[in-house]
Amino acid sequence: MQNYSVDQFKKLITDCKKPYVVLLVGLPLSGKDTFLAQLNSNDFSIISRDEILEKHNEKISDYRSAYSKIDSKIVDKQFFSKINEHVFSKINCIINATNLTKKRRRKICLRFTDYYRIALIMPLISESEFNRRNVVRYEKIGKKLPNSLYNEMTAVYEEVTEDEEFEKISYLMQQQQNSQIKDVVL
């Protein structure tokens, strides 16, 4: 196992077999968007499920109510349509969604057969940390997640295993203010 800083991860994906896809795997508020902001690169495209949802709602303040206004099947259809466009054009991309179950990850990975596939796993956070981050997020951008979501999502979360379709499994490790990535080479 090797630890990577965000800049080292950027170099890793720049140097890896092209094209590549990175699936972010983590609970809501676990740091996926923060990581992407730190990565800050034009070498890939980001496919974000939340971004698709937001296009259907003028202003999301509560995700539960947002999903009550639109069928999640419509969001999924558009999400997978974007994925198919990227695969067809062989565009490097990062999938920004929770990707908590093996079934969901497999459904995505099977589309990227000619890609170098990387799972980047966000750190697990406690319920109290989820609630703290939820308050901070609401104060900053006016969006919140229902507190019950933490228990619902942790109940379905399945760890990424070596038998999945990834060439590399990496872990984002939060240490104080710095992000480091621990790598599992398959």
Protein backbone atom coordinates (compact mmCIF):
# COMPACT_ATOMS: atom_id res chain seq x y z
CA MET A 1 0.00 0.00 0.00
CA GLN A 2 1.17 3.49 -0.79
CA ASN A 3 -0.08 6.88 0.40
CA TYR A 4 -0.78 9.62 -2.10
CA SER A 5 -1.44 13.32 -1.71
CA VAL A 6 -4.10 14.86 -3.95
CA ASP A 7 -1.34 16.08 -6.29
CA GLN A 8 0.17 12.59 -6.41
CA PHE A 9 -3.26 11.13 -7.24
CA LYS A 10 -3.55 13.69 -10.03
CA LYS A 11 -0.21 12.45 -11.37
CA LEU A 12 -1.36 8.84 -11.01
CA ILE A 13 -4.42 9.38 -13.21
CA THR A 14 -2.43 11.49 -15.66
CA ASP A 15 0.15 8.71 -16.02
CA CYS A 16 -2.24 5.75 -16.04
CA LYS A 17 -3.44 3.78 -19.02
CA LYS A 18 -5.87 5.92 -20.99
CA PRO A 19 -8.76 6.30 -21.02
CA TYR A 20 -9.55 6.04 -17.33
CA VAL A 21 -12.58 6.25 -15.07
CA VAL A 22 -12.55 6.94 -11.33
CA LEU A 23 -15.59 5.95 -9.30
CA LEU A 24 -15.87 7.93 -6.09
CA VAL A 25 -17.30 5.70 -3.37
CA GLY A 26 -18.58 7.25 -0.18
CA LEU A 27 -21.43 8.31 2.01
CA PRO A 28 -23.00 11.72 1.48
CA LEU A 29 -20.83 14.45 3.04
CA SER A 30 -17.77 12.16 3.12
CA GLY A 31 -15.66 14.55 1.04
CA LYS A 32 -16.26 13.68 -2.63
CA ASP A 33 -16.92 17.26 -3.76
CA THR A 34 -14.13 18.62 -1.56
CA PHE A 35 -11.70 16.12 -3.10
CA LEU A 36 -12.76 17.13 -6.62
CA ALA A 37 -12.25 20.81 -5.78
CA GLN A 38 -8.74 19.98 -4.51
CA LEU A 39 -7.98 17.87 -7.57
CA ASN A 40 -8.88 20.80 -9.85
CA SER A 41 -7.80 19.42 -13.22
CA ASN A 42 -8.95 19.74 -16.81
CA ASP A 43 -7.71 16.25 -17.72
CA PHE A 44 -11.08 14.64 -17.07
CA SER A 45 -14.80 15.25 -17.11
CA ILE A 46 -16.98 14.90 -14.00
CA ILE A 47 -20.29 13.07 -14.20
CA SER A 48 -22.30 14.07 -11.14
CA ARG A 49 -25.64 12.53 -10.23
CA ASP A 50 -26.43 15.47 -7.90
CA GLU A 51 -25.78 17.91 -10.75
CA ILE A 52 -28.36 16.11 -12.88
CA LEU A 53 -30.86 16.25 -10.00
CA GLU A 54 -30.19 19.97 -9.53
CA LYS A 55 -31.00 20.66 -13.20
CA HIS A 56 -34.53 19.41 -12.51
CA ASN A 57 -35.02 21.59 -9.44
CA GLU A 58 -34.49 25.35 -9.37
CA LYS A 59 -33.10 25.36 -5.84
CA ILE A 60 -32.44 22.31 -3.72
CA SER A 61 -32.49 22.96 -0.03
CA ASP A 62 -33.49 19.44 1.03
CA TYR A 63 -32.60 16.42 -1.09
CA ARG A 64 -35.49 14.31 0.18
CA SER A 65 -38.00 16.89 -1.11
CA ALA A 66 -36.04 17.22 -4.36
CA TYR A 67 -36.41 13.50 -5.01
CA SER A 68 -40.10 13.68 -4.15
CA LYS A 69 -40.50 16.10 -7.06
CA ILE A 70 -38.75 13.97 -9.68
CA ASP A 71 -38.62 10.24 -10.31
CA SER A 72 -35.12 8.95 -9.54
CA LYS A 73 -35.43 6.73 -12.64
CA ILE A 74 -35.36 9.91 -14.76
CA VAL A 75 -32.18 11.06 -12.99
CA ASP A 76 -30.62 7.61 -13.47
CA LYS A 77 -31.54 7.55 -17.15
CA GLN A 78 -29.79 10.88 -17.73
CA PHE A 79 -26.85 9.82 -15.53
CA PHE A 80 -26.27 6.65 -17.57
CA SER A 81 -26.83 8.53 -20.81
CA LYS A 82 -23.93 10.85 -19.86
CA ILE A 83 -21.82 7.82 -18.99
CA ASN A 84 -22.58 6.25 -22.38
CA GLU A 85 -21.59 9.49 -24.16
CA HIS A 86 -18.25 9.50 -22.35
CA VAL A 87 -17.59 5.83 -23.11
CA PHE A 88 -18.44 6.32 -26.79
CA SER A 89 -16.05 9.30 -27.01
CA LYS A 90 -13.36 7.64 -24.80
CA ILE A 91 -13.30 10.63 -22.41
CA ASN A 92 -11.47 10.34 -19.09
CA CYS A 93 -13.98 10.83 -16.31
CA ILE A 94 -14.74 10.78 -12.63
CA ILE A 95 -18.12 9.49 -11.47
CA ASN A 96 -19.31 11.66 -8.59
CA ALA A 97 -22.04 9.67 -6.86
CA THR A 98 -22.18 7.63 -3.67
CA ASN A 99 -21.71 4.29 -5.53
CA LEU A 100 -22.33 2.45 -2.25
CA THR A 101 -23.33 -0.98 -3.51
CA LYS A 102 -21.51 -3.61 -5.55
CA LYS A 103 -24.50 -3.86 -7.88
CA ARG A 104 -24.41 -0.11 -8.63
CA ARG A 105 -20.62 -0.07 -9.14
CA ARG A 106 -20.84 -3.10 -11.39
CA LYS A 107 -23.58 -1.49 -13.48
CA ILE A 108 -21.27 1.48 -14.05
CA CYS A 109 -18.01 -0.44 -14.53
CA LEU A 110 -19.46 -2.78 -17.14
CA ARG A 111 -19.91 0.22 -19.43
CA PHE A 112 -16.22 1.13 -19.15
CA THR A 113 -14.77 -2.10 -20.54
CA ASP A 114 -11.86 -0.44 -22.38
CA TYR A 115 -11.04 1.90 -19.49
CA TYR A 116 -8.54 1.75 -16.66
CA ARG A 117 -10.98 1.59 -13.72
CA ILE A 118 -10.12 3.07 -10.32
CA ALA A 119 -12.26 3.05 -7.17
CA LEU A 120 -11.49 5.96 -4.85
CA ILE A 121 -13.04 5.27 -1.47
CA MET A 122 -13.83 8.18 0.82
CA PRO A 123 -13.32 7.83 4.57
CA LEU A 124 -16.28 6.58 6.58
CA ILE A 125 -17.64 9.30 8.84
CA SER A 126 -19.55 9.03 12.10
CA GLU A 127 -23.15 10.14 12.45
CA SER A 128 -22.04 13.11 14.57
CA GLU A 129 -19.53 14.13 11.88
CA PHE A 130 -22.26 13.75 9.23
CA ASN A 131 -24.52 16.05 11.26
CA ARG A 132 -21.70 18.58 11.79
CA ARG A 133 -20.87 18.68 8.08
CA ASN A 134 -24.57 18.90 7.23
CA VAL A 135 -24.92 22.06 9.37
CA VAL A 136 -21.79 23.61 7.82
CA ARG A 137 -23.03 22.80 4.31
CA TYR A 138 -26.43 24.32 5.01
CA GLU A 139 -24.83 27.49 6.38
CA LYS A 140 -22.51 27.77 3.36
CA ILE A 141 -24.77 26.85 0.45
CA GLY A 142 -28.28 26.39 1.81
CA LYS A 143 -28.48 22.64 1.13
CA LYS A 144 -29.12 19.94 3.69
CA LEU A 145 -29.61 16.23 3.84
CA PRO A 146 -32.14 14.58 6.13
CA ASN A 147 -30.48 13.28 9.30
CA SER A 148 -32.09 9.88 8.70
CA LEU A 149 -30.09 9.57 5.49
CA TYR A 150 -26.91 8.67 7.38
CA ASN A 151 -28.47 5.49 8.83
CA GLU A 152 -30.16 4.60 5.54
CA MET A 153 -26.93 4.93 3.57
CA THR A 154 -24.67 3.16 6.06
CA ALA A 155 -27.15 0.26 6.08
CA VAL A 156 -26.71 -0.32 2.33
CA TYR A 157 -22.99 0.48 2.09
CA GLU A 158 -20.88 -2.41 0.80
CA GLU A 159 -17.10 -2.19 0.92
CA VAL A 160 -15.26 -2.36 -2.38
CA THR A 161 -13.59 -5.74 -2.76
CA GLU A 162 -10.82 -7.06 -4.97
CA ASP A 163 -13.26 -9.21 -6.97
CA GLU A 164 -14.92 -6.11 -8.44
CA GLU A 165 -14.04 -4.77 -11.88
CA PHE A 166 -11.34 -2.30 -10.78
CA GLU A 167 -7.68 -2.30 -11.78
CA LYS A 168 -6.91 -0.15 -8.74
CA ILE A 169 -8.63 0.47 -5.41
CA SER A 170 -7.49 3.57 -3.52
CA TYR A 171 -8.54 5.05 -0.19
CA LEU A 172 -8.70 8.75 0.58
CA MET A 173 -7.39 9.18 4.10
CA GLN A 174 -8.26 12.35 6.04
CA GLN A 175 -5.44 13.36 8.34
CA GLN A 176 -5.93 16.73 10.02
CA GLN A 177 -6.42 19.20 7.14
CA ASN A 178 -4.48 17.20 4.54
CA SER A 179 -5.90 14.52 2.30
CA GLN A 180 -3.83 11.45 1.57
CA ILE A 181 -4.69 8.48 -0.57
CA LYS A 182 -3.83 4.90 0.36
CA ASP A 183 -3.58 2.60 -2.58
CA VAL A 184 -4.34 -1.07 -3.10
CA VAL A 185 -2.83 -2.41 -6.31
CA LEU A 186 -4.64 -5.38 -7.80
